[in-house]
């Protein structure tokens, strides 16, 4: 999973600007990508509550479900997954591999 900024400014109906960010989950088995977009005010970044909202949307989607493992970026917005490590382990079965962190500052690891 990772967060990517979208290089388009969106105008809301009230005329205010919103800067879209995409939270994406990649299924390495099927090569599908689940994308969740959040519209944020200028200068605001994705927070943990946005990531949890995206994760809940993914696991409740009928074509996705709960993952056995999560490979996450090292951003602080993904630290919230440490809180659900035991749930992922119960479903996935391997405690040592339920959440995998990307190598720090390594583009090739992502």
PDB file of N, CA and C in Angstrom:
ATOM      1  N   UNK A   1       0.841  -1.171   0.000  1.00  0.00           N
ATOM      2  CA  UNK A   1       0.000   0.000   0.000  1.00  0.00           C
ATOM      3  C   UNK A   1       0.882   1.228   0.000  1.00  0.00           C
ATOM      4  N   UNK A   2       0.356   2.282  -0.603  1.00  0.00           N
ATOM      5  CA  UNK A   2       1.114   3.523  -0.695  1.00  0.00           C
ATOM      6  C   UNK A   2       0.139   4.672  -0.915  1.00  0.00           C
ATOM      7  N   UNK A   3       0.630   5.870  -0.733  1.00  0.00           N
ATOM      8  CA  UNK A   3      -0.140   7.092  -0.958  1.00  0.00           C
ATOM      9  C   UNK A   3       0.538   7.871  -2.076  1.00  0.00           C
ATOM     10  N   UNK A   4      -0.247   8.318  -3.034  1.00  0.00           N
ATOM     11  CA  UNK A   4       0.280   9.105  -4.145  1.00  0.00           C
ATOM     12  C   UNK A   4      -0.540  10.377  -4.307  1.00  0.00           C
ATOM     13  N   UNK A   5       0.124  11.527  -4.419  1.00  0.00           N
ATOM     14  CA  UNK A   5      -0.620  12.756  -4.726  1.00  0.00           C
ATOM     15  C   UNK A   5      -1.025  12.762  -6.193  1.00  0.00           C
ATOM     16  N   UNK A   6      -2.169  13.326  -6.473  1.00  0.00           N
ATOM     17  CA  UNK A   6      -2.653  13.475  -7.847  1.00  0.00           C
ATOM     18  C   UNK A   6      -2.403  14.929  -8.241  1.00  0.00           C
ATOM     19  N   UNK A   7      -1.813  15.149  -9.389  1.00  0.00           N
ATOM     20  CA  UNK A   7      -1.395  16.493  -9.806  1.00  0.00           C
ATOM     21  C   UNK A   7      -2.506  17.294 -10.461  1.00  0.00           C
ATOM     22  N   UNK A   8      -3.684  17.257  -9.883  1.00  0.00           N
ATOM     23  CA  UNK A   8      -4.811  18.055 -10.373  1.00  0.00           C
ATOM     24  C   UNK A   8      -5.484  18.712  -9.182  1.00  0.00           C
ATOM     25  N   UNK A   9      -5.758  19.979  -9.310  1.00  0.00           N
ATOM     26  CA  UNK A   9      -6.510  20.672  -8.274  1.00  0.00           C
ATOM     27  C   UNK A   9      -7.983  20.554  -8.632  1.00  0.00           C
ATOM     28  N   UNK A  10      -8.793  20.209  -7.647  1.00  0.00           N
ATOM     29  CA  UNK A  10     -10.224  20.023  -7.855  1.00  0.00           C
ATOM     30  C   UNK A  10     -10.960  21.164  -7.159  1.00  0.00           C
ATOM     31  N   UNK A  11     -11.964  21.724  -7.832  1.00  0.00           N
ATOM     32  CA  UNK A  11     -12.791  22.742  -7.204  1.00  0.00           C
ATOM     33  C   UNK A  11     -14.046  22.096  -6.640  1.00  0.00           C
ATOM     34  N   UNK A  12     -14.315  22.352  -5.384  1.00  0.00           N
ATOM     35  CA  UNK A  12     -15.531  21.861  -4.742  1.00  0.00           C
ATOM     36  C   UNK A  12     -16.699  22.741  -5.175  1.00  0.00           C
ATOM     37  N   UNK A  13     -17.939  22.289  -4.967  1.00  0.00           N
ATOM     38  CA  UNK A  13     -19.106  23.102  -5.344  1.00  0.00           C
ATOM     39  C   UNK A  13     -19.134  24.488  -4.689  1.00  0.00           C
ATOM     40  N   UNK A  14     -18.518  24.605  -3.497  1.00  0.00           N
ATOM     41  CA  UNK A  14     -18.493  25.904  -2.827  1.00  0.00           C
ATOM     42  C   UNK A  14     -17.366  26.810  -3.325  1.00  0.00           C
ATOM     43  N   UNK A  15     -16.577  26.328  -4.304  1.00  0.00           N
ATOM     44  CA  UNK A  15     -15.505  27.117  -4.880  1.00  0.00           C
ATOM     45  C   UNK A  15     -14.146  26.920  -4.224  1.00  0.00           C
ATOM     46  N   UNK A  16     -14.081  26.175  -3.126  1.00  0.00           N
ATOM     47  CA  UNK A  16     -12.800  25.934  -2.460  1.00  0.00           C
ATOM     48  C   UNK A  16     -11.997  24.876  -3.224  1.00  0.00           C
ATOM     49  N   UNK A  17     -10.680  24.946  -3.067  1.00  0.00           N
ATOM     50  CA  UNK A  17      -9.787  23.994  -3.734  1.00  0.00           C
ATOM     51  C   UNK A  17      -9.605  22.746  -2.889  1.00  0.00           C
ATOM     52  N   UNK A  18      -9.471  21.627  -3.554  1.00  0.00           N
ATOM     53  CA  UNK A  18      -9.149  20.361  -2.897  1.00  0.00           C
ATOM     54  C   UNK A  18      -8.023  19.698  -3.684  1.00  0.00           C
ATOM     55  N   UNK A  19      -7.121  19.090  -2.953  1.00  0.00           N
ATOM     56  CA  UNK A  19      -5.975  18.415  -3.564  1.00  0.00           C
ATOM     57  C   UNK A  19      -6.143  16.910  -3.359  1.00  0.00           C
ATOM     58  N   UNK A  20      -6.442  16.165  -4.429  1.00  0.00           N
ATOM     59  CA  UNK A  20      -6.683  14.729  -4.274  1.00  0.00           C
ATOM     60  C   UNK A  20      -5.403  13.945  -3.982  1.00  0.00           C
ATOM     61  N   UNK A  21      -5.553  12.963  -3.120  1.00  0.00           N
ATOM     62  CA  UNK A  21      -4.490  11.997  -2.830  1.00  0.00           C
ATOM     63  C   UNK A  21      -5.099  10.612  -3.011  1.00  0.00           C
ATOM     64  N   UNK A  22      -4.308   9.693  -3.552  1.00  0.00           N
ATOM     65  CA  UNK A  22      -4.776   8.326  -3.772  1.00  0.00           C
ATOM     66  C   UNK A  22      -4.099   7.394  -2.779  1.00  0.00           C
ATOM     67  N   UNK A  23      -4.900   6.606  -2.091  1.00  0.00           N
ATOM     68  CA  UNK A  23      -4.394   5.543  -1.238  1.00  0.00           C
ATOM     69  C   UNK A  23      -4.650   4.256  -2.009  1.00  0.00           C
ATOM     70  N   UNK A  24      -3.592   3.509  -2.287  1.00  0.00           N
ATOM     71  CA  UNK A  24      -3.727   2.336  -3.151  1.00  0.00           C
ATOM     72  C   UNK A  24      -3.230   1.073  -2.451  1.00  0.00           C
ATOM     73  N   UNK A  25      -3.949  -0.011  -2.692  1.00  0.00           N
ATOM     74  CA  UNK A  25      -3.577  -1.341  -2.208  1.00  0.00           C
ATOM     75  C   UNK A  25      -3.401  -2.231  -3.441  1.00  0.00           C
ATOM     76  N   UNK A  26      -2.254  -2.864  -3.550  1.00  0.00           N
ATOM     77  CA  UNK A  26      -1.948  -3.711  -4.704  1.00  0.00           C
ATOM     78  C   UNK A  26      -2.024  -5.177  -4.285  1.00  0.00           C
ATOM     79  N   UNK A  27      -2.808  -5.951  -5.001  1.00  0.00           N
ATOM     80  CA  UNK A  27      -2.891  -7.388  -4.775  1.00  0.00           C
ATOM     81  C   UNK A  27      -1.830  -8.042  -5.651  1.00  0.00           C
ATOM     82  N   UNK A  28      -0.770  -8.544  -5.033  1.00  0.00           N
ATOM     83  CA  UNK A  28       0.337  -9.113  -5.815  1.00  0.00           C
ATOM     84  C   UNK A  28      -0.029 -10.442  -6.462  1.00  0.00           C
ATOM     85  N   UNK A  29      -1.078 -11.090  -5.989  1.00  0.00           N
ATOM     86  CA  UNK A  29      -1.509 -12.352  -6.593  1.00  0.00           C
ATOM     87  C   UNK A  29      -2.248 -12.143  -7.897  1.00  0.00           C
ATOM     88  N   UNK A  30      -3.103 -11.132  -7.948  1.00  0.00           N
ATOM     89  CA  UNK A  30      -3.919 -10.884  -9.138  1.00  0.00           C
ATOM     90  C   UNK A  30      -3.484  -9.637  -9.913  1.00  0.00           C
ATOM     91  N   UNK A  31      -2.584  -8.862  -9.328  1.00  0.00           N
ATOM     92  CA  UNK A  31      -2.085  -7.605  -9.910  1.00  0.00           C
ATOM     93  C   UNK A  31      -3.174  -6.540 -10.050  1.00  0.00           C
ATOM     94  N   UNK A  32      -4.223  -6.666  -9.249  1.00  0.00           N
ATOM     95  CA  UNK A  32      -5.252  -5.627  -9.217  1.00  0.00           C
ATOM     96  C   UNK A  32      -4.837  -4.557  -8.214  1.00  0.00           C
ATOM     97  N   UNK A  33      -5.362  -3.355  -8.403  1.00  0.00           N
ATOM     98  CA  UNK A  33      -5.099  -2.249  -7.487  1.00  0.00           C
ATOM     99  C   UNK A  33      -6.428  -1.675  -7.019  1.00  0.00           C
ATOM    100  N   UNK A  34      -6.575  -1.586  -5.715  1.00  0.00           N
ATOM    101  CA  UNK A  34      -7.745  -0.940  -5.121  1.00  0.00           C
ATOM    102  C   UNK A  34      -7.344   0.498  -4.810  1.00  0.00           C
ATOM    103  N   UNK A  35      -8.052   1.457  -5.375  1.00  0.00           N
ATOM    104  CA  UNK A  35      -7.729   2.871  -5.195  1.00  0.00           C
ATOM    105  C   UNK A  35      -8.814   3.561  -4.394  1.00  0.00           C
ATOM    106  N   UNK A  36      -8.395   4.386  -3.454  1.00  0.00           N
ATOM    107  CA  UNK A  36      -9.300   5.177  -2.636  1.00  0.00           C
ATOM    108  C   UNK A  36      -8.781   6.608  -2.661  1.00  0.00           C
ATOM    109  N   UNK A  37      -9.650   7.536  -2.995  1.00  0.00           N
ATOM    110  CA  UNK A  37      -9.234   8.929  -3.123  1.00  0.00           C
ATOM    111  C   UNK A  37      -9.779   9.758  -1.966  1.00  0.00           C
ATOM    112  N   UNK A  38      -8.946  10.661  -1.476  1.00  0.00           N
ATOM    113  CA  UNK A  38      -9.380  11.635  -0.486  1.00  0.00           C
ATOM    114  C   UNK A  38      -9.075  13.028  -1.041  1.00  0.00           C
ATOM    115  N   UNK A  39      -9.989  13.949  -0.797  1.00  0.00           N
ATOM    116  CA  UNK A  39      -9.821  15.337  -1.236  1.00  0.00           C
ATOM    117  C   UNK A  39      -9.456  16.167  -0.021  1.00  0.00           C
ATOM    118  N   UNK A  40      -8.257  16.736  -0.034  1.00  0.00           N
ATOM    119  CA  UNK A  40      -7.742  17.449   1.126  1.00  0.00           C
ATOM    120  C   UNK A  40      -7.518  18.926   0.823  1.00  0.00           C
ATOM    121  N   UNK A  41      -7.592  19.758   1.851  1.00  0.00           N
ATOM    122  CA  UNK A  41      -7.271  21.174   1.649  1.00  0.00           C
ATOM    123  C   UNK A  41      -5.795  21.336   1.264  1.00  0.00           C
ATOM    124  N   UNK A  42      -5.441  22.461   0.642  1.00  0.00           N
ATOM    125  CA  UNK A  42      -4.036  22.686   0.270  1.00  0.00           C
ATOM    126  C   UNK A  42      -3.109  22.543   1.474  1.00  0.00           C
ATOM    127  N   UNK A  43      -2.010  21.833   1.273  1.00  0.00           N
ATOM    128  CA  UNK A  43      -1.005  21.667   2.316  1.00  0.00           C
ATOM    129  C   UNK A  43      -1.274  20.563   3.323  1.00  0.00           C
ATOM    130  N   UNK A  44      -2.403  19.903   3.240  1.00  0.00           N
ATOM    131  CA  UNK A  44      -2.731  18.835   4.187  1.00  0.00           C
ATOM    132  C   UNK A  44      -2.371  17.487   3.579  1.00  0.00           C
ATOM    133  N   UNK A  45      -1.826  16.599   4.416  1.00  0.00           N
ATOM    134  CA  UNK A  45      -1.450  15.270   3.954  1.00  0.00           C
ATOM    135  C   UNK A  45      -2.405  14.207   4.437  1.00  0.00           C
ATOM    136  N   UNK A  46      -2.240  13.012   3.919  1.00  0.00           N
ATOM    137  CA  UNK A  46      -3.057  11.868   4.313  1.00  0.00           C
ATOM    138  C   UNK A  46      -2.709  11.495   5.753  1.00  0.00           C
ATOM    139  N   UNK A  47      -3.729  11.273   6.557  1.00  0.00           N
ATOM    140  CA  UNK A  47      -3.558  10.896   7.956  1.00  0.00           C
ATOM    141  C   UNK A  47      -4.029   9.459   8.169  1.00  0.00           C
ATOM    142  N   UNK A  48      -3.777   8.963   9.367  1.00  0.00           N
ATOM    143  CA  UNK A  48      -4.117   7.578   9.686  1.00  0.00           C
ATOM    144  C   UNK A  48      -5.601   7.293   9.508  1.00  0.00           C
ATOM    145  N   UNK A  49      -6.464   8.238   9.842  1.00  0.00           N
ATOM    146  CA  UNK A  49      -7.895   7.992   9.679  1.00  0.00           C
ATOM    147  C   UNK A  49      -8.290   7.836   8.214  1.00  0.00           C
ATOM    148  N   UNK A  50      -7.567   8.489   7.305  1.00  0.00           N
ATOM    149  CA  UNK A  50      -7.832   8.319   5.876  1.00  0.00           C
ATOM    150  C   UNK A  50      -7.428   6.909   5.424  1.00  0.00           C
ATOM    151  N   UNK A  51      -6.289   6.443   5.934  1.00  0.00           N
ATOM    152  CA  UNK A  51      -5.801   5.110   5.564  1.00  0.00           C
ATOM    153  C   UNK A  51      -6.752   4.033   6.092  1.00  0.00           C
ATOM    154  N   UNK A  52      -7.224   4.192   7.323  1.00  0.00           N
ATOM    155  CA  UNK A  52      -8.167   3.219   7.879  1.00  0.00           C
ATOM    156  C   UNK A  52      -9.472   3.226   7.085  1.00  0.00           C
ATOM    157  N   UNK A  53      -9.938   4.404   6.706  1.00  0.00           N
ATOM    158  CA  UNK A  53     -11.153   4.504   5.892  1.00  0.00           C
ATOM    159  C   UNK A  53     -10.970   3.760   4.570  1.00  0.00           C
ATOM    160  N   UNK A  54      -9.806   3.923   3.940  1.00  0.00           N
ATOM    161  CA  UNK A  54      -9.517   3.226   2.683  1.00  0.00           C
ATOM    162  C   UNK A  54      -9.429   1.718   2.898  1.00  0.00           C
ATOM    163  N   UNK A  55      -8.774   1.301   3.978  1.00  0.00           N
ATOM    164  CA  UNK A  55      -8.637  -0.122   4.276  1.00  0.00           C
ATOM    165  C   UNK A  55     -10.001  -0.761   4.515  1.00  0.00           C
ATOM    166  N   UNK A  56     -10.851  -0.092   5.281  1.00  0.00           N
ATOM    167  CA  UNK A  56     -12.195  -0.628   5.539  1.00  0.00           C
ATOM    168  C   UNK A  56     -13.015  -0.710   4.257  1.00  0.00           C
ATOM    169  N   UNK A  57     -12.844   0.276   3.378  1.00  0.00           N
ATOM    170  CA  UNK A  57     -13.543   0.229   2.088  1.00  0.00           C
ATOM    171  C   UNK A  57     -13.064  -0.969   1.271  1.00  0.00           C
ATOM    172  N   UNK A  58     -11.757  -1.234   1.296  1.00  0.00           N
ATOM    173  CA  UNK A  58     -11.215  -2.354   0.532  1.00  0.00           C
ATOM    174  C   UNK A  58     -11.713  -3.691   1.085  1.00  0.00           C
ATOM    175  N   UNK A  59     -11.603  -3.893   2.397  1.00  0.00           N
ATOM    176  CA  UNK A  59     -11.972  -5.206   2.946  1.00  0.00           C
ATOM    177  C   UNK A  59     -13.474  -5.461   2.895  1.00  0.00           C
ATOM    178  N   UNK A  60     -14.273  -4.400   2.817  1.00  0.00           N
ATOM    179  CA  UNK A  60     -15.721  -4.601   2.721  1.00  0.00           C
ATOM    180  C   UNK A  60     -16.214  -4.706   1.280  1.00  0.00           C
ATOM    181  N   UNK A  61     -15.324  -4.449   0.326  1.00  0.00           N
ATOM    182  CA  UNK A  61     -15.690  -4.562  -1.088  1.00  0.00           C
ATOM    183  C   UNK A  61     -15.846  -6.044  -1.440  1.00  0.00           C
ATOM    184  N   UNK A  62     -16.910  -6.412  -2.150  1.00  0.00           N
ATOM    185  CA  UNK A  62     -17.151  -7.836  -2.437  1.00  0.00           C
ATOM    186  C   UNK A  62     -16.075  -8.504  -3.294  1.00  0.00           C
ATOM    187  N   UNK A  63     -15.309  -7.737  -4.050  1.00  0.00           N
ATOM    188  CA  UNK A  63     -14.264  -8.325  -4.900  1.00  0.00           C
ATOM    189  C   UNK A  63     -12.896  -8.366  -4.220  1.00  0.00           C
ATOM    190  N   UNK A  64     -12.795  -7.909  -2.979  1.00  0.00           N
ATOM    191  CA  UNK A  64     -11.484  -7.848  -2.325  1.00  0.00           C
ATOM    192  C   UNK A  64     -11.442  -8.702  -1.069  1.00  0.00           C
ATOM    193  N   UNK A  65     -11.893  -8.214   0.044  1.00  0.00           N
ATOM    194  CA  UNK A  65     -11.826  -8.972   1.284  1.00  0.00           C
ATOM    195  C   UNK A  65     -10.595  -8.638   2.110  1.00  0.00           C
ATOM    196  N   UNK A  66     -10.401  -9.388   3.185  1.00  0.00           N
ATOM    197  CA  UNK A  66      -9.328  -9.131   4.153  1.00  0.00           C
ATOM    198  C   UNK A  66      -8.028  -9.777   3.680  1.00  0.00           C
ATOM    199  N   UNK A  67      -6.930  -9.020   3.638  1.00  0.00           N
ATOM    200  CA  UNK A  67      -5.664  -9.584   3.150  1.00  0.00           C
ATOM    201  C   UNK A  67      -4.987 -10.467   4.192  1.00  0.00           C
ATOM    202  N   UNK A  68      -4.190 -11.402   3.718  1.00  0.00           N
ATOM    203  CA  UNK A  68      -3.385 -12.226   4.624  1.00  0.00           C
ATOM    204  C   UNK A  68      -2.146 -11.475   5.070  1.00  0.00           C
ATOM    205  N   UNK A  69      -1.631 -10.607   4.213  1.00  0.00           N
ATOM    206  CA  UNK A  69      -0.435  -9.828   4.526  1.00  0.00           C
ATOM    207  C   UNK A  69      -0.599  -8.417   4.006  1.00  0.00           C
ATOM    208  N   UNK A  70       0.123  -7.504   4.643  1.00  0.00           N
ATOM    209  CA  UNK A  70       0.180  -6.123   4.170  1.00  0.00           C
ATOM    210  C   UNK A  70       1.643  -5.729   4.012  1.00  0.00           C
ATOM    211  N   UNK A  71       1.983  -5.231   2.846  1.00  0.00           N
ATOM    212  CA  UNK A  71       3.315  -4.692   2.588  1.00  0.00           C
ATOM    213  C   UNK A  71       3.145  -3.187   2.550  1.00  0.00           C
ATOM    214  N   UNK A  72       3.698  -2.505   3.532  1.00  0.00           N
ATOM    215  CA  UNK A  72       3.404  -1.087   3.673  1.00  0.00           C
ATOM    216  C   UNK A  72       4.622  -0.204   3.500  1.00  0.00           C
ATOM    217  N   UNK A  73       4.335   0.992   3.056  1.00  0.00           N
ATOM    218  CA  UNK A  73       5.311   2.060   2.988  1.00  0.00           C
ATOM    219  C   UNK A  73       5.655   2.445   4.430  1.00  0.00           C
ATOM    220  N   UNK A  74       6.754   3.153   4.625  1.00  0.00           N
ATOM    221  CA  UNK A  74       7.178   3.532   5.971  1.00  0.00           C
ATOM    222  C   UNK A  74       6.583   4.843   6.460  1.00  0.00           C
ATOM    223  N   UNK A  75       5.616   5.398   5.736  1.00  0.00           N
ATOM    224  CA  UNK A  75       4.990   6.644   6.160  1.00  0.00           C
ATOM    225  C   UNK A  75       4.274   6.487   7.492  1.00  0.00           C
ATOM    226  N   UNK A  76       4.241   7.573   8.267  1.00  0.00           N
ATOM    227  CA  UNK A  76       3.594   7.523   9.579  1.00  0.00           C
ATOM    228  C   UNK A  76       2.102   7.245   9.474  1.00  0.00           C
ATOM    229  N   UNK A  77       1.504   7.544   8.321  1.00  0.00           N
ATOM    230  CA  UNK A  77       0.074   7.278   8.161  1.00  0.00           C
ATOM    231  C   UNK A  77      -0.242   5.786   8.187  1.00  0.00           C
ATOM    232  N   UNK A  78       0.771   4.934   7.962  1.00  0.00           N
ATOM    233  CA  UNK A  78       0.548   3.484   7.963  1.00  0.00           C
ATOM    234  C   UNK A  78       0.854   2.830   9.305  1.00  0.00           C
ATOM    235  N   UNK A  79       1.319   3.607  10.286  1.00  0.00           N
ATOM    236  CA  UNK A  79       1.630   3.051  11.612  1.00  0.00           C
ATOM    237  C   UNK A  79       0.394   2.491  12.291  1.00  0.00           C
ATOM    238  N   UNK A  80      -0.769   2.939  11.882  1.00  0.00           N
ATOM    239  CA  UNK A  80      -2.017   2.467  12.474  1.00  0.00           C
ATOM    240  C   UNK A  80      -2.198   0.958  12.276  1.00  0.00           C
ATOM    241  N   UNK A  81      -1.553   0.373  11.295  1.00  0.00           N
ATOM    242  CA  UNK A  81      -1.716  -1.057  11.045  1.00  0.00           C
ATOM    243  C   UNK A  81      -1.033  -1.916  12.106  1.00  0.00           C
ATOM    244  N   UNK A  82      -0.136  -1.334  12.894  1.00  0.00           N
ATOM    245  CA  UNK A  82       0.434  -2.085  14.007  1.00  0.00           C
ATOM    246  C   UNK A  82      -0.648  -2.460  15.013  1.00  0.00           C
ATOM    247  N   UNK A  83      -1.704  -1.653  15.079  1.00  0.00           N
ATOM    248  CA  UNK A  83      -2.794  -1.906  16.014  1.00  0.00           C
ATOM    249  C   UNK A  83      -3.658  -3.096  15.592  1.00  0.00           C
ATOM    250  N   UNK A  84      -3.654  -3.439  14.312  1.00  0.00           N
ATOM    251  CA  UNK A  84      -4.472  -4.574  13.852  1.00  0.00           C
ATOM    252  C   UNK A  84      -3.613  -5.766  13.434  1.00  0.00           C
ATOM    253  N   UNK A  85      -2.339  -5.736  13.815  1.00  0.00           N
ATOM    254  CA  UNK A  85      -1.433  -6.840  13.473  1.00  0.00           C
ATOM    255  C   UNK A  85      -1.983  -8.179  13.953  1.00  0.00           C
ATOM    256  N   UNK A  86      -2.521  -8.237  15.160  1.00  0.00           N
ATOM    257  CA  UNK A  86      -3.019  -9.513  15.696  1.00  0.00           C
ATOM    258  C   UNK A  86      -4.222 -10.019  14.899  1.00  0.00           C
ATOM    259  N   UNK A  87      -5.077  -9.111  14.424  1.00  0.00           N
ATOM    260  CA  UNK A  87      -6.224  -9.538  13.610  1.00  0.00           C
ATOM    261  C   UNK A  87      -5.755 -10.115  12.282  1.00  0.00           C
ATOM    262  N   UNK A  88      -4.780  -9.480  11.659  1.00  0.00           N
ATOM    263  CA  UNK A  88      -4.251  -9.989  10.390  1.00  0.00           C
ATOM    264  C   UNK A  88      -3.569 -11.332  10.606  1.00  0.00           C
ATOM    265  N   UNK A  89      -2.871 -11.485  11.727  1.00  0.00           N
ATOM    266  CA  UNK A  89      -2.218 -12.747  12.051  1.00  0.00           C
ATOM    267  C   UNK A  89      -3.233 -13.860  12.250  1.00  0.00           C
ATOM    268  N   UNK A  90      -4.344 -13.546  12.938  1.00  0.00           N
ATOM    269  CA  UNK A  90      -5.385 -14.563  13.157  1.00  0.00           C
ATOM    270  C   UNK A  90      -5.951 -15.057  11.841  1.00  0.00           C
ATOM    271  N   UNK A  91      -6.116 -14.156  10.885  1.00  0.00           N
ATOM    272  CA  UNK A  91      -6.689 -14.540   9.595  1.00  0.00           C
ATOM    273  C   UNK A  91      -5.630 -15.139   8.686  1.00  0.00           C
ATOM    274  N   UNK A  92      -4.436 -14.517   8.642  1.00  0.00           N
ATOM    275  CA  UNK A  92      -3.384 -14.956   7.739  1.00  0.00           C
ATOM    276  C   UNK A  92      -2.576 -16.120   8.245  1.00  0.00           C
ATOM    277  N   UNK A  93      -2.385 -16.205   9.567  1.00  0.00           N
ATOM    278  CA  UNK A  93      -1.721 -17.372  10.130  1.00  0.00           C
ATOM    279  C   UNK A  93      -0.237 -17.262  10.410  1.00  0.00           C
ATOM    280  N   UNK A  94       0.484 -16.306   9.877  1.00  0.00           N
ATOM    281  CA  UNK A  94       1.924 -16.223  10.088  1.00  0.00           C
ATOM    282  C   UNK A  94       2.256 -14.886  10.742  1.00  0.00           C
ATOM    283  N   UNK A  95       2.457 -14.890  12.036  1.00  0.00           N
ATOM    284  CA  UNK A  95       2.669 -13.652  12.793  1.00  0.00           C
ATOM    285  C   UNK A  95       3.890 -12.874  12.323  1.00  0.00           C
ATOM    286  N   UNK A  96       4.928 -13.563  11.899  1.00  0.00           N
ATOM    287  CA  UNK A  96       6.148 -12.864  11.511  1.00  0.00           C
ATOM    288  C   UNK A  96       6.020 -12.167  10.167  1.00  0.00           C
ATOM    289  N   UNK A  97       5.027 -12.518   9.370  1.00  0.00           N
ATOM    290  CA  UNK A  97       4.904 -11.946   8.026  1.00  0.00           C
ATOM    291  C   UNK A  97       3.556 -11.268   7.793  1.00  0.00           C
ATOM    292  N   UNK A  98       2.802 -10.937   8.834  1.00  0.00           N
ATOM    293  CA  UNK A  98       1.483 -10.349   8.615  1.00  0.00           C
ATOM    294  C   UNK A  98       1.574  -8.914   8.104  1.00  0.00           C
ATOM    295  N   UNK A  99       2.536  -8.151   8.601  1.00  0.00           N
ATOM    296  CA  UNK A  99       2.757  -6.786   8.118  1.00  0.00           C
ATOM    297  C   UNK A  99       4.235  -6.654   7.784  1.00  0.00           C
ATOM    298  N   UNK A 100       4.522  -6.293   6.553  1.00  0.00           N
ATOM    299  CA  UNK A 100       5.894  -6.186   6.074  1.00  0.00           C
ATOM    300  C   UNK A 100       6.175  -4.725   5.764  1.00  0.00           C
ATOM    301  N   UNK A 101       7.270  -4.207   6.298  1.00  0.00           N
ATOM    302  CA  UNK A 101       7.653  -2.819   6.051  1.00  0.00           C
ATOM    303  C   UNK A 101       8.598  -2.726   4.864  1.00  0.00           C
ATOM    304  N   UNK A 102       8.399  -1.703   4.043  1.00  0.00           N
ATOM    305  CA  UNK A 102       9.312  -1.456   2.931  1.00  0.00           C
ATOM    306  C   UNK A 102      10.657  -1.028   3.484  1.00  0.00           C
ATOM    307  N   UNK A 103      11.707  -1.252   2.716  1.00  0.00           N
ATOM    308  CA  UNK A 103      13.027  -0.776   3.117  1.00  0.00           C
ATOM    309  C   UNK A 103      13.012   0.748   3.138  1.00  0.00           C
ATOM    310  N   UNK A 104      13.596   1.365   4.137  1.00  0.00           N
ATOM    311  CA  UNK A 104      13.590   2.831   4.204  1.00  0.00           C
ATOM    312  C   UNK A 104      14.280   3.462   2.993  1.00  0.00           C
ATOM    313  N   UNK A 105      13.596   4.448   2.412  1.00  0.00           N
ATOM    314  CA  UNK A 105      14.138   5.263   1.315  1.00  0.00           C
ATOM    315  C   UNK A 105      14.669   4.429   0.163  1.00  0.00           C
ATOM    316  N   UNK A 106      13.969   3.363  -0.182  1.00  0.00           N
ATOM    317  CA  UNK A 106      14.404   2.499  -1.262  1.00  0.00           C
ATOM    318  C   UNK A 106      13.304   2.405  -2.297  1.00  0.00           C
ATOM    319  N   UNK A 107      13.445   3.139  -3.390  1.00  0.00           N
ATOM    320  CA  UNK A 107      12.454   3.113  -4.452  1.00  0.00           C
ATOM    321  C   UNK A 107      12.255   1.727  -5.040  1.00  0.00           C
ATOM    322  N   UNK A 108      13.326   0.935  -5.092  1.00  0.00           N
ATOM    323  CA  UNK A 108      13.232  -0.410  -5.658  1.00  0.00           C
ATOM    324  C   UNK A 108      12.397  -1.344  -4.787  1.00  0.00           C
ATOM    325  N   UNK A 109      12.290  -1.060  -3.498  1.00  0.00           N
ATOM    326  CA  UNK A 109      11.523  -1.945  -2.617  1.00  0.00           C
ATOM    327  C   UNK A 109      10.030  -1.693  -2.714  1.00  0.00           C
ATOM    328  N   UNK A 110       9.641  -0.635  -3.369  1.00  0.00           N
ATOM    329  CA  UNK A 110       8.218  -0.308  -3.460  1.00  0.00           C
ATOM    330  C   UNK A 110       7.698  -0.747  -4.791  1.00  0.00           C
TER     331      UNK A 110
END
